[in-house]
């Protein structure tokens, strides 16, 4: 199993997070309001290494309980 973190993939949904960390422009997430509760759900190896996508941020903000339930279902 690989321990390489792909900074362009959302750690939750595994979709593109539109990260611009390697761009000359600042990443969109600098201006994003990412709830601490969502950050707390990240496995430690992802913290500070990959952006959470805007869809997952929005889904968590809409209904954190449903987001966590879906996340637990995906983990199996």
N, C-alpha and C. Protein backbone atom coordinates (compact mmCIF):
# COMPACT_ATOMS: atom_id res chain seq x y z
N UNK A 1 0.84 -1.18 0.00
CA UNK A 1 0.00 0.00 0.00
C UNK A 1 0.88 1.24 0.00
N UNK A 2 0.55 2.22 -0.80
CA UNK A 2 1.35 3.42 -0.95
C UNK A 2 0.99 4.46 0.10
N UNK A 3 1.98 5.14 0.64
CA UNK A 3 1.76 6.22 1.60
C UNK A 3 1.88 7.58 0.93
N UNK A 4 1.89 7.62 -0.38
CA UNK A 4 2.01 8.88 -1.11
C UNK A 4 0.66 9.59 -1.11
N UNK A 5 0.67 10.85 -0.72
CA UNK A 5 -0.54 11.67 -0.70
C UNK A 5 -0.62 12.44 -2.02
N UNK A 6 -1.72 12.30 -2.73
CA UNK A 6 -1.95 13.07 -3.95
C UNK A 6 -2.65 14.35 -3.53
N UNK A 7 -1.93 15.46 -3.56
CA UNK A 7 -2.47 16.74 -3.09
C UNK A 7 -3.59 17.27 -3.96
N UNK A 8 -3.82 16.67 -5.12
CA UNK A 8 -4.89 17.11 -6.02
C UNK A 8 -6.19 16.34 -5.84
N UNK A 9 -6.21 15.42 -4.90
CA UNK A 9 -7.38 14.58 -4.67
C UNK A 9 -7.93 14.85 -3.27
N UNK A 10 -9.24 15.05 -3.18
CA UNK A 10 -9.89 15.25 -1.89
C UNK A 10 -9.73 13.99 -1.05
N UNK A 11 -9.28 14.11 0.19
CA UNK A 11 -9.08 12.93 1.02
C UNK A 11 -10.39 12.22 1.39
N UNK A 12 -11.52 12.89 1.22
CA UNK A 12 -12.79 12.26 1.56
C UNK A 12 -13.45 11.57 0.37
N UNK A 13 -13.72 12.31 -0.69
CA UNK A 13 -14.49 11.74 -1.81
C UNK A 13 -13.60 11.22 -2.93
N UNK A 14 -12.31 11.50 -2.87
CA UNK A 14 -11.32 11.05 -3.85
C UNK A 14 -11.51 11.68 -5.23
N UNK A 15 -12.26 12.79 -5.29
CA UNK A 15 -12.40 13.56 -6.53
C UNK A 15 -11.36 14.67 -6.55
N UNK A 16 -11.24 15.33 -7.69
CA UNK A 16 -10.32 16.46 -7.78
C UNK A 16 -10.75 17.55 -6.81
N UNK A 17 -9.78 18.11 -6.11
CA UNK A 17 -10.10 19.20 -5.17
C UNK A 17 -9.78 20.56 -5.77
N UNK A 18 -9.35 20.58 -7.03
CA UNK A 18 -8.98 21.82 -7.72
C UNK A 18 -7.91 22.59 -6.96
N UNK A 19 -7.01 21.86 -6.34
CA UNK A 19 -5.93 22.46 -5.56
C UNK A 19 -4.99 23.22 -6.48
N UNK A 20 -4.55 24.36 -6.01
CA UNK A 20 -3.62 25.18 -6.78
C UNK A 20 -2.31 25.37 -6.01
N UNK A 21 -1.99 24.44 -5.13
CA UNK A 21 -0.81 24.58 -4.29
C UNK A 21 0.48 24.73 -5.09
N UNK A 22 0.56 24.13 -6.24
CA UNK A 22 1.75 24.22 -7.07
C UNK A 22 1.63 25.28 -8.17
N UNK A 23 0.68 26.16 -8.02
CA UNK A 23 0.44 27.22 -8.99
C UNK A 23 1.09 28.52 -8.50
N UNK A 24 1.22 29.46 -9.40
CA UNK A 24 1.68 30.79 -9.01
C UNK A 24 0.59 31.57 -8.28
N UNK A 25 -0.64 31.09 -8.40
CA UNK A 25 -1.78 31.73 -7.73
C UNK A 25 -2.08 31.01 -6.43
N UNK A 26 -2.62 31.71 -5.45
CA UNK A 26 -2.96 31.04 -4.19
C UNK A 26 -4.12 30.07 -4.39
N UNK A 27 -4.12 29.03 -3.62
CA UNK A 27 -5.19 28.02 -3.68
C UNK A 27 -6.50 28.63 -3.19
N UNK A 28 -7.60 28.18 -3.77
CA UNK A 28 -8.93 28.65 -3.40
C UNK A 28 -9.22 28.39 -1.92
N UNK A 29 -8.59 27.35 -1.36
CA UNK A 29 -8.92 26.96 0.02
C UNK A 29 -8.43 27.97 1.05
N UNK A 30 -7.51 28.85 0.65
CA UNK A 30 -7.04 29.87 1.58
C UNK A 30 -8.19 30.76 2.02
N UNK A 31 -9.13 30.99 1.12
CA UNK A 31 -10.29 31.83 1.42
C UNK A 31 -11.49 31.01 1.92
N UNK A 32 -11.40 29.70 1.85
CA UNK A 32 -12.53 28.84 2.23
C UNK A 32 -12.66 28.75 3.75
N UNK A 33 -13.89 28.66 4.19
CA UNK A 33 -14.17 28.45 5.61
C UNK A 33 -14.37 26.95 5.82
N UNK A 34 -13.31 26.27 6.22
CA UNK A 34 -13.37 24.83 6.43
C UNK A 34 -13.63 24.59 7.91
N UNK A 35 -14.76 23.98 8.24
CA UNK A 35 -15.10 23.77 9.65
C UNK A 35 -14.08 22.87 10.36
N UNK A 36 -13.78 23.22 11.60
CA UNK A 36 -12.86 22.40 12.39
C UNK A 36 -13.36 20.97 12.52
N UNK A 37 -14.68 20.79 12.59
CA UNK A 37 -15.24 19.45 12.70
C UNK A 37 -14.91 18.58 11.50
N UNK A 38 -14.84 19.20 10.34
CA UNK A 38 -14.49 18.48 9.12
C UNK A 38 -12.99 18.16 9.12
N UNK A 39 -12.19 19.12 9.50
CA UNK A 39 -10.75 18.88 9.59
C UNK A 39 -10.44 17.78 10.60
N UNK A 40 -11.19 17.74 11.69
CA UNK A 40 -10.99 16.71 12.70
C UNK A 40 -11.25 15.30 12.17
N UNK A 41 -12.06 15.19 11.12
CA UNK A 41 -12.36 13.88 10.53
C UNK A 41 -11.24 13.35 9.65
N UNK A 42 -10.33 14.24 9.25
CA UNK A 42 -9.22 13.82 8.38
C UNK A 42 -8.27 12.89 9.10
N UNK A 43 -7.85 11.82 8.43
CA UNK A 43 -6.76 11.03 8.99
C UNK A 43 -5.52 11.92 9.12
N UNK A 44 -4.73 11.73 10.13
CA UNK A 44 -3.60 12.62 10.42
C UNK A 44 -2.64 12.76 9.25
N UNK A 45 -2.48 11.72 8.45
CA UNK A 45 -1.52 11.79 7.35
C UNK A 45 -1.96 12.76 6.25
N UNK A 46 -3.23 13.18 6.24
CA UNK A 46 -3.72 14.11 5.23
C UNK A 46 -3.72 15.55 5.70
N UNK A 47 -3.65 15.77 6.99
CA UNK A 47 -3.75 17.13 7.53
C UNK A 47 -2.60 17.99 7.04
N UNK A 48 -2.96 19.10 6.40
CA UNK A 48 -1.97 20.02 5.87
C UNK A 48 -1.31 19.56 4.58
N UNK A 49 -1.83 18.48 4.00
CA UNK A 49 -1.19 17.93 2.80
C UNK A 49 -2.10 17.86 1.58
N UNK A 50 -3.41 17.90 1.78
CA UNK A 50 -4.35 17.83 0.65
C UNK A 50 -5.60 18.63 1.00
N UNK A 51 -6.05 19.44 0.05
CA UNK A 51 -7.27 20.23 0.25
C UNK A 51 -8.50 19.32 0.25
N UNK A 52 -9.43 19.67 1.09
CA UNK A 52 -10.76 19.07 1.04
C UNK A 52 -11.51 19.81 -0.06
N UNK A 53 -12.20 19.10 -0.93
CA UNK A 53 -12.88 19.76 -2.04
C UNK A 53 -14.06 20.60 -1.56
N UNK A 54 -14.45 21.55 -2.38
CA UNK A 54 -15.55 22.45 -2.02
C UNK A 54 -16.87 21.70 -1.86
N UNK A 55 -17.06 20.61 -2.61
CA UNK A 55 -18.29 19.83 -2.47
C UNK A 55 -18.38 19.18 -1.10
N UNK A 56 -17.27 18.60 -0.63
CA UNK A 56 -17.29 17.97 0.70
C UNK A 56 -17.46 19.02 1.80
N UNK A 57 -16.86 20.19 1.63
CA UNK A 57 -17.04 21.27 2.60
C UNK A 57 -18.51 21.67 2.64
N UNK A 58 -19.11 21.85 1.48
CA UNK A 58 -20.52 22.23 1.39
C UNK A 58 -21.42 21.15 1.97
N UNK A 59 -21.16 19.89 1.62
CA UNK A 59 -21.97 18.79 2.14
C UNK A 59 -21.88 18.72 3.66
N UNK A 60 -20.69 18.90 4.22
CA UNK A 60 -20.52 18.88 5.67
C UNK A 60 -21.29 20.04 6.30
N UNK A 61 -21.19 21.23 5.70
CA UNK A 61 -21.89 22.40 6.23
C UNK A 61 -23.41 22.24 6.15
N UNK A 62 -23.89 21.56 5.11
CA UNK A 62 -25.33 21.36 4.95
C UNK A 62 -25.87 20.42 6.01
N UNK A 63 -25.19 19.29 6.21
CA UNK A 63 -25.64 18.31 7.22
C UNK A 63 -24.45 17.44 7.61
N UNK A 64 -23.79 17.82 8.68
CA UNK A 64 -22.58 17.10 9.10
C UNK A 64 -22.88 15.66 9.47
N UNK A 65 -24.06 15.38 10.04
CA UNK A 65 -24.39 14.00 10.41
C UNK A 65 -24.50 13.11 9.18
N UNK A 66 -25.14 13.60 8.14
CA UNK A 66 -25.27 12.83 6.90
C UNK A 66 -23.89 12.65 6.27
N UNK A 67 -23.06 13.68 6.30
CA UNK A 67 -21.71 13.58 5.76
C UNK A 67 -20.92 12.49 6.48
N UNK A 68 -20.95 12.49 7.80
CA UNK A 68 -20.21 11.50 8.58
C UNK A 68 -20.76 10.11 8.32
N UNK A 69 -22.07 9.98 8.24
CA UNK A 69 -22.69 8.67 7.96
C UNK A 69 -22.23 8.13 6.61
N UNK A 70 -22.21 9.00 5.59
CA UNK A 70 -21.77 8.60 4.26
C UNK A 70 -20.28 8.22 4.29
N UNK A 71 -19.48 8.98 5.02
CA UNK A 71 -18.07 8.71 5.14
C UNK A 71 -17.82 7.34 5.80
N UNK A 72 -18.55 7.05 6.84
CA UNK A 72 -18.42 5.76 7.50
C UNK A 72 -18.85 4.62 6.59
N UNK A 73 -19.88 4.85 5.79
CA UNK A 73 -20.34 3.84 4.84
C UNK A 73 -19.26 3.56 3.78
N UNK A 74 -18.59 4.62 3.32
CA UNK A 74 -17.55 4.45 2.31
C UNK A 74 -16.35 3.68 2.85
N UNK A 75 -16.07 3.87 4.14
CA UNK A 75 -14.95 3.15 4.76
C UNK A 75 -15.27 1.68 4.97
N UNK A 76 -16.56 1.38 4.94
CA UNK A 76 -16.99 -0.01 5.00
C UNK A 76 -17.01 -0.55 6.36
